[in-house]
N, C-alpha and C. Protein backbone atom coordinates (compact mmCIF):
# COMPACT_ATOMS: atom_id res chain seq x y z
N ASP A 1 76.38 147.39 21.79
CA ASP A 1 75.85 147.53 23.13
C ASP A 1 76.45 146.44 24.01
N ALA A 2 77.67 146.65 24.44
CA ALA A 2 78.43 145.63 25.16
C ALA A 2 77.83 145.26 26.51
N VAL A 3 77.05 146.15 27.10
CA VAL A 3 76.53 145.91 28.44
C VAL A 3 75.39 144.90 28.42
N ILE A 4 74.52 144.99 27.43
CA ILE A 4 73.37 144.11 27.36
C ILE A 4 73.77 142.80 26.70
N ASN A 5 73.71 141.74 27.47
CA ASN A 5 73.93 140.40 26.94
C ASN A 5 73.04 139.45 27.75
N LEU A 6 73.06 138.19 27.40
CA LEU A 6 72.16 137.24 28.06
C LEU A 6 72.46 137.11 29.56
N LYS A 7 73.72 137.22 29.94
CA LYS A 7 74.06 137.13 31.36
C LYS A 7 73.46 138.31 32.13
N THR A 8 73.57 139.51 31.57
CA THR A 8 72.99 140.68 32.21
C THR A 8 71.48 140.53 32.34
N LEU A 9 70.85 140.02 31.29
CA LEU A 9 69.40 139.83 31.31
C LEU A 9 68.99 138.81 32.36
N GLN A 10 69.78 137.76 32.54
CA GLN A 10 69.49 136.76 33.57
C GLN A 10 69.56 137.39 34.96
N GLU A 11 70.57 138.22 35.18
CA GLU A 11 70.71 138.87 36.48
C GLU A 11 69.53 139.81 36.77
N ILE A 12 69.13 140.57 35.77
CA ILE A 12 68.01 141.48 35.94
C ILE A 12 66.73 140.69 36.20
N SER A 13 66.51 139.64 35.41
CA SER A 13 65.27 138.86 35.56
C SER A 13 65.18 138.18 36.92
N SER A 14 66.31 137.80 37.49
CA SER A 14 66.27 137.14 38.81
C SER A 14 65.89 138.13 39.91
N GLN A 15 66.08 139.43 39.65
CA GLN A 15 65.77 140.45 40.65
C GLN A 15 64.40 141.10 40.43
N LEU A 16 63.82 140.89 39.25
CA LEU A 16 62.49 141.44 38.99
C LEU A 16 61.45 140.58 39.69
N GLY A 17 60.48 141.18 40.24
CA GLY A 17 59.36 140.43 40.81
C GLY A 17 58.17 140.58 39.89
N PHE A 18 57.05 140.97 40.48
CA PHE A 18 55.84 141.17 39.69
C PHE A 18 56.00 142.29 38.67
N GLU A 19 57.02 143.15 38.84
CA GLU A 19 57.23 144.28 37.94
C GLU A 19 57.57 143.86 36.52
N TRP A 20 57.90 142.58 36.32
CA TRP A 20 58.30 142.16 34.99
C TRP A 20 57.19 142.39 33.97
N THR A 21 55.93 142.26 34.39
CA THR A 21 54.83 142.49 33.43
C THR A 21 54.73 143.96 33.05
N VAL A 22 54.98 144.86 34.01
CA VAL A 22 54.97 146.28 33.71
C VAL A 22 56.12 146.59 32.75
N LEU A 23 57.28 146.02 33.04
CA LEU A 23 58.44 146.20 32.16
C LEU A 23 58.13 145.67 30.76
N ALA A 24 57.45 144.54 30.67
CA ALA A 24 57.10 143.97 29.37
C ALA A 24 56.26 144.96 28.56
N TYR A 25 55.27 145.58 29.19
CA TYR A 25 54.46 146.59 28.50
C TYR A 25 55.34 147.76 28.05
N GLU A 26 56.25 148.19 28.92
CA GLU A 26 57.14 149.30 28.61
C GLU A 26 58.07 148.99 27.44
N LEU A 27 58.41 147.71 27.29
CA LEU A 27 59.30 147.30 26.19
C LEU A 27 58.54 146.97 24.91
N GLY A 28 57.21 147.14 24.95
CA GLY A 28 56.43 147.00 23.73
C GLY A 28 55.67 145.71 23.54
N PHE A 29 55.63 144.85 24.56
CA PHE A 29 54.88 143.60 24.43
C PHE A 29 53.40 143.87 24.67
N ASN A 30 52.56 143.10 23.98
CA ASN A 30 51.12 143.26 24.19
C ASN A 30 50.60 142.19 25.16
N ARG A 31 49.33 142.27 25.48
CA ARG A 31 48.71 141.39 26.47
C ARG A 31 48.83 139.91 26.09
N THR A 32 48.64 139.59 24.82
CA THR A 32 48.72 138.20 24.35
C THR A 32 50.13 137.65 24.53
N GLU A 33 51.13 138.45 24.19
CA GLU A 33 52.51 138.00 24.35
C GLU A 33 52.85 137.79 25.82
N ILE A 34 52.39 138.68 26.67
CA ILE A 34 52.66 138.55 28.11
C ILE A 34 51.98 137.30 28.66
N ARG A 35 50.78 137.00 28.18
CA ARG A 35 50.08 135.79 28.61
C ARG A 35 50.90 134.55 28.25
N ARG A 36 51.53 134.56 27.08
CA ARG A 36 52.37 133.41 26.68
C ARG A 36 53.55 133.22 27.64
N PHE A 37 54.13 134.30 28.11
CA PHE A 37 55.23 134.19 29.08
C PHE A 37 54.72 133.60 30.39
N HIS A 38 53.50 133.97 30.79
CA HIS A 38 52.88 133.42 32.00
C HIS A 38 52.66 131.91 31.86
N ILE A 39 52.25 131.47 30.69
CA ILE A 39 51.94 130.06 30.45
C ILE A 39 53.20 129.20 30.50
N LYS A 40 54.33 129.75 30.05
CA LYS A 40 55.57 128.96 29.99
C LYS A 40 56.06 128.50 31.35
N SER A 41 55.80 129.28 32.40
CA SER A 41 56.28 128.91 33.73
C SER A 41 55.43 129.61 34.79
N THR A 42 55.45 129.03 35.98
CA THR A 42 54.76 129.67 37.11
C THR A 42 55.71 130.54 37.92
N GLU A 43 57.02 130.40 37.66
CA GLU A 43 58.02 131.19 38.39
C GLU A 43 58.21 132.54 37.73
N LYS A 44 58.12 133.59 38.54
CA LYS A 44 58.26 134.95 38.02
C LYS A 44 59.62 135.20 37.38
N SER A 45 60.67 134.65 37.97
CA SER A 45 62.01 134.88 37.41
C SER A 45 62.15 134.24 36.04
N VAL A 46 61.55 133.08 35.83
CA VAL A 46 61.59 132.41 34.52
C VAL A 46 60.75 133.20 33.52
N GLN A 47 59.59 133.68 33.97
CA GLN A 47 58.75 134.49 33.09
C GLN A 47 59.49 135.76 32.67
N ALA A 48 60.14 136.40 33.63
CA ALA A 48 60.89 137.62 33.34
C ALA A 48 62.05 137.35 32.40
N ARG A 49 62.78 136.26 32.65
CA ARG A 49 63.91 135.92 31.79
C ARG A 49 63.46 135.64 30.36
N THR A 50 62.36 134.88 30.22
CA THR A 50 61.84 134.57 28.90
C THR A 50 61.45 135.85 28.16
N MET A 51 60.78 136.75 28.88
CA MET A 51 60.38 138.02 28.27
C MET A 51 61.58 138.83 27.85
N LEU A 52 62.59 138.96 28.73
CA LEU A 52 63.77 139.75 28.40
C LEU A 52 64.57 139.14 27.25
N GLU A 53 64.68 137.82 27.23
CA GLU A 53 65.39 137.17 26.13
C GLU A 53 64.65 137.39 24.82
N ASN A 54 63.32 137.33 24.87
CA ASN A 54 62.52 137.58 23.68
C ASN A 54 62.70 139.02 23.20
N TRP A 55 62.70 139.96 24.14
CA TRP A 55 62.93 141.36 23.80
C TRP A 55 64.31 141.56 23.19
N TYR A 56 65.30 140.89 23.76
CA TYR A 56 66.68 141.00 23.27
C TYR A 56 66.78 140.51 21.82
N GLU A 57 66.13 139.40 21.52
CA GLU A 57 66.13 138.87 20.16
C GLU A 57 65.45 139.84 19.20
N LYS A 58 64.35 140.45 19.63
CA LYS A 58 63.63 141.40 18.77
C LYS A 58 64.41 142.70 18.58
N SER A 59 65.28 143.02 19.54
CA SER A 59 66.00 144.30 19.52
C SER A 59 67.46 144.16 19.15
N TRP A 60 67.86 143.03 18.63
CA TRP A 60 69.29 142.78 18.40
C TRP A 60 69.95 143.84 17.52
N ASP A 61 69.21 144.46 16.62
CA ASP A 61 69.81 145.42 15.69
C ASP A 61 69.73 146.87 16.18
N LYS A 62 69.14 147.10 17.34
CA LYS A 62 69.02 148.45 17.87
C LYS A 62 70.28 148.82 18.63
N SER A 63 70.80 150.00 18.36
CA SER A 63 72.05 150.41 19.01
C SER A 63 71.83 150.97 20.41
N ASN A 64 70.59 151.27 20.77
CA ASN A 64 70.33 151.89 22.07
C ASN A 64 69.59 150.96 23.03
N LYS A 65 69.90 149.67 22.98
CA LYS A 65 69.22 148.69 23.84
C LYS A 65 69.38 149.02 25.33
N THR A 66 70.56 149.42 25.73
CA THR A 66 70.80 149.73 27.13
C THR A 66 69.88 150.85 27.60
N LYS A 67 69.80 151.90 26.83
CA LYS A 67 68.94 153.04 27.18
C LYS A 67 67.47 152.63 27.21
N LEU A 68 67.04 151.85 26.23
CA LEU A 68 65.65 151.39 26.21
C LEU A 68 65.30 150.59 27.46
N LEU A 69 66.20 149.68 27.85
CA LEU A 69 65.96 148.86 29.03
C LEU A 69 66.01 149.70 30.31
N GLN A 70 66.95 150.63 30.39
CA GLN A 70 67.03 151.51 31.56
C GLN A 70 65.74 152.30 31.72
N ASP A 71 65.27 152.90 30.64
CA ASP A 71 64.05 153.69 30.70
C ASP A 71 62.85 152.82 31.09
N GLY A 72 62.77 151.63 30.51
CA GLY A 72 61.69 150.72 30.84
C GLY A 72 61.71 150.31 32.31
N LEU A 73 62.89 150.03 32.84
CA LEU A 73 63.02 149.66 34.25
C LEU A 73 62.59 150.81 35.16
N GLU A 74 62.97 152.02 34.81
CA GLU A 74 62.58 153.17 35.63
C GLU A 74 61.07 153.35 35.62
N ARG A 75 60.46 153.26 34.44
CA ARG A 75 59.00 153.43 34.35
C ARG A 75 58.27 152.29 35.03
N ALA A 76 58.91 151.12 35.15
CA ALA A 76 58.29 149.97 35.83
C ALA A 76 58.50 150.03 37.34
N GLY A 77 59.16 151.07 37.81
CA GLY A 77 59.36 151.23 39.25
C GLY A 77 60.60 150.56 39.79
N ARG A 78 61.52 150.16 38.91
CA ARG A 78 62.75 149.51 39.36
C ARG A 78 63.96 150.39 39.03
N ARG A 79 63.97 151.54 39.65
CA ARG A 79 65.07 152.47 39.43
C ARG A 79 66.41 151.87 39.88
N ASP A 80 66.35 151.02 40.91
CA ASP A 80 67.58 150.39 41.41
C ASP A 80 68.25 149.57 40.31
N LEU A 81 67.47 148.80 39.56
CA LEU A 81 68.04 147.99 38.48
C LEU A 81 68.47 148.87 37.30
N ALA A 82 67.72 149.91 37.05
CA ALA A 82 68.09 150.85 35.98
C ALA A 82 69.42 151.51 36.31
N GLU A 83 69.62 151.84 37.57
CA GLU A 83 70.86 152.50 38.00
C GLU A 83 72.05 151.54 37.89
N LYS A 84 71.85 150.28 38.25
CA LYS A 84 72.93 149.30 38.09
C LYS A 84 73.31 149.15 36.63
N LEU A 85 72.31 149.10 35.77
CA LEU A 85 72.56 148.98 34.34
C LEU A 85 73.28 150.23 33.82
N ARG A 86 72.88 151.39 34.32
CA ARG A 86 73.53 152.64 33.92
C ARG A 86 75.00 152.63 34.35
N CYS A 87 75.27 152.12 35.54
CA CYS A 87 76.66 152.06 36.03
C CYS A 87 77.48 151.08 35.20
N LEU A 88 76.90 149.95 34.85
CA LEU A 88 77.61 149.00 34.00
C LEU A 88 77.95 149.64 32.67
N HIS A 89 76.97 150.34 32.10
CA HIS A 89 77.18 151.01 30.82
C HIS A 89 78.25 152.09 30.96
N TRP A 90 78.13 152.88 32.00
CA TRP A 90 79.09 153.94 32.24
C TRP A 90 80.49 153.37 32.48
N GLY A 91 80.57 152.26 33.16
CA GLY A 91 81.86 151.64 33.44
C GLY A 91 82.58 151.13 32.21
N HIS A 92 81.83 150.88 31.15
CA HIS A 92 82.46 150.42 29.91
C HIS A 92 82.89 151.57 29.02
N GLN A 93 82.52 152.79 29.38
CA GLN A 93 82.90 153.95 28.59
C GLN A 93 84.32 154.37 28.96
N LYS A 94 84.97 155.02 28.04
CA LYS A 94 86.30 155.54 28.34
C LYS A 94 86.17 156.73 29.28
N LEU A 95 86.91 156.71 30.37
CA LEU A 95 86.82 157.79 31.34
C LEU A 95 87.58 159.01 30.85
N SER A 96 87.01 160.16 31.08
CA SER A 96 87.68 161.40 30.73
C SER A 96 87.90 162.21 32.01
N ARG A 97 88.57 163.34 31.91
CA ARG A 97 88.82 164.18 33.09
C ARG A 97 87.53 164.82 33.60
N ARG A 98 86.61 165.12 32.69
CA ARG A 98 85.35 165.74 33.09
C ARG A 98 84.26 164.70 32.97
N VAL A 99 83.92 164.11 34.08
CA VAL A 99 82.97 163.01 34.07
C VAL A 99 81.89 163.26 35.11
N GLU A 100 80.65 162.90 34.76
CA GLU A 100 79.55 163.03 35.71
C GLU A 100 79.35 161.68 36.38
N LEU A 101 79.48 161.66 37.68
CA LEU A 101 79.37 160.41 38.41
C LEU A 101 77.91 160.05 38.64
N PRO A 102 77.52 158.82 38.33
CA PRO A 102 76.13 158.41 38.61
C PRO A 102 75.90 158.27 40.10
N SER A 103 74.64 158.20 40.50
CA SER A 103 74.32 158.16 41.93
C SER A 103 74.77 156.87 42.60
N ALA A 104 74.93 155.80 41.83
CA ALA A 104 75.36 154.53 42.42
C ALA A 104 76.87 154.38 42.27
N PHE A 105 77.61 155.42 42.62
CA PHE A 105 79.06 155.45 42.41
C PHE A 105 79.81 154.24 42.97
N PRO A 106 79.53 153.75 44.19
CA PRO A 106 80.30 152.61 44.71
C PRO A 106 80.22 151.37 43.83
N PHE A 107 79.11 151.21 43.13
CA PHE A 107 78.97 150.05 42.25
C PHE A 107 79.99 150.09 41.11
N LEU A 108 80.40 151.28 40.70
CA LEU A 108 81.37 151.42 39.62
C LEU A 108 82.71 150.79 39.97
N ILE A 109 83.11 150.95 41.20
CA ILE A 109 84.40 150.39 41.60
C ILE A 109 84.38 148.88 41.43
N THR A 110 83.28 148.25 41.77
CA THR A 110 83.14 146.80 41.57
C THR A 110 83.26 146.46 40.10
N VAL A 111 82.59 147.23 39.25
CA VAL A 111 82.65 146.99 37.80
C VAL A 111 84.08 147.08 37.30
N HIS A 112 84.78 148.14 37.68
CA HIS A 112 86.14 148.31 37.18
C HIS A 112 87.11 147.28 37.75
N LYS A 113 86.84 146.77 38.93
CA LYS A 113 87.68 145.69 39.44
C LYS A 113 87.48 144.42 38.63
N THR A 114 86.26 144.21 38.15
CA THR A 114 85.99 142.98 37.40
C THR A 114 86.47 143.05 35.96
N ILE A 115 86.64 144.26 35.40
CA ILE A 115 87.10 144.33 34.01
C ILE A 115 88.62 144.57 33.93
N HIS A 116 89.29 144.49 35.07
CA HIS A 116 90.76 144.59 35.12
C HIS A 116 91.27 145.84 34.42
N ASN A 117 90.73 146.96 34.79
CA ASN A 117 91.14 148.23 34.20
C ASN A 117 91.70 149.10 35.32
N GLN A 118 92.94 148.83 35.68
CA GLN A 118 93.55 149.48 36.85
C GLN A 118 93.69 150.99 36.68
N ASP A 119 94.03 151.45 35.46
CA ASP A 119 94.18 152.88 35.24
C ASP A 119 92.85 153.60 35.46
N ALA A 120 91.78 153.04 34.93
CA ALA A 120 90.46 153.64 35.11
C ALA A 120 90.05 153.59 36.58
N LEU A 121 90.36 152.51 37.27
CA LEU A 121 90.03 152.40 38.68
C LEU A 121 90.76 153.46 39.50
N ARG A 122 92.04 153.70 39.17
CA ARG A 122 92.79 154.76 39.85
C ARG A 122 92.13 156.12 39.63
N ARG A 123 91.66 156.37 38.40
CA ARG A 123 91.01 157.65 38.09
C ARG A 123 89.68 157.78 38.83
N ILE A 124 88.94 156.70 38.94
CA ILE A 124 87.68 156.74 39.70
C ILE A 124 87.96 157.05 41.16
N ASN A 125 88.96 156.38 41.73
CA ASN A 125 89.30 156.64 43.12
C ASN A 125 89.76 158.08 43.33
N ASP A 126 90.50 158.61 42.36
CA ASP A 126 90.93 160.00 42.42
C ASP A 126 89.73 160.93 42.38
N LEU A 127 88.80 160.68 41.48
CA LEU A 127 87.58 161.48 41.40
C LEU A 127 86.78 161.38 42.70
N ASN A 128 86.73 160.19 43.26
CA ASN A 128 85.98 159.99 44.51
C ASN A 128 86.57 160.83 45.63
N ARG A 129 87.86 160.90 45.73
CA ARG A 129 88.52 161.70 46.77
C ARG A 129 88.23 163.18 46.57
N ARG A 130 88.19 163.63 45.31
CA ARG A 130 87.97 165.05 45.04
C ARG A 130 86.54 165.50 45.29
N PHE A 131 85.56 164.60 45.05
CA PHE A 131 84.17 165.01 45.11
C PHE A 131 83.42 164.54 46.35
N THR A 132 84.09 163.88 47.25
CA THR A 132 83.39 163.44 48.47
C THR A 132 84.01 164.06 49.69
């Protein structure tokens, strides 16, 4: 699961607000565990980061971490973050001629510029011209 790493989790946690507790429930944490995250810090972003890092450690052997986190984010009301994560995941996949473009298509171009994949970027731009 190349998309989910500690840097990605830090970025997500910095953008989560009060929704981090809802996400924690969605990821399988119970009330006692969530209370421990509250005790560690008064800052929501630190609480969210601690929770996500803890979830990551517990889920290290699961092959579908990206999907689990995406689904949890959507159910927690943060579809925007789920969509960014979906685009990152999609951007790491090998592009084929028949591809379904996610709704946050412009974000993909940024991803492909950062991973230095010029051939894939050309194909995305070609797809963009055909479908817009």
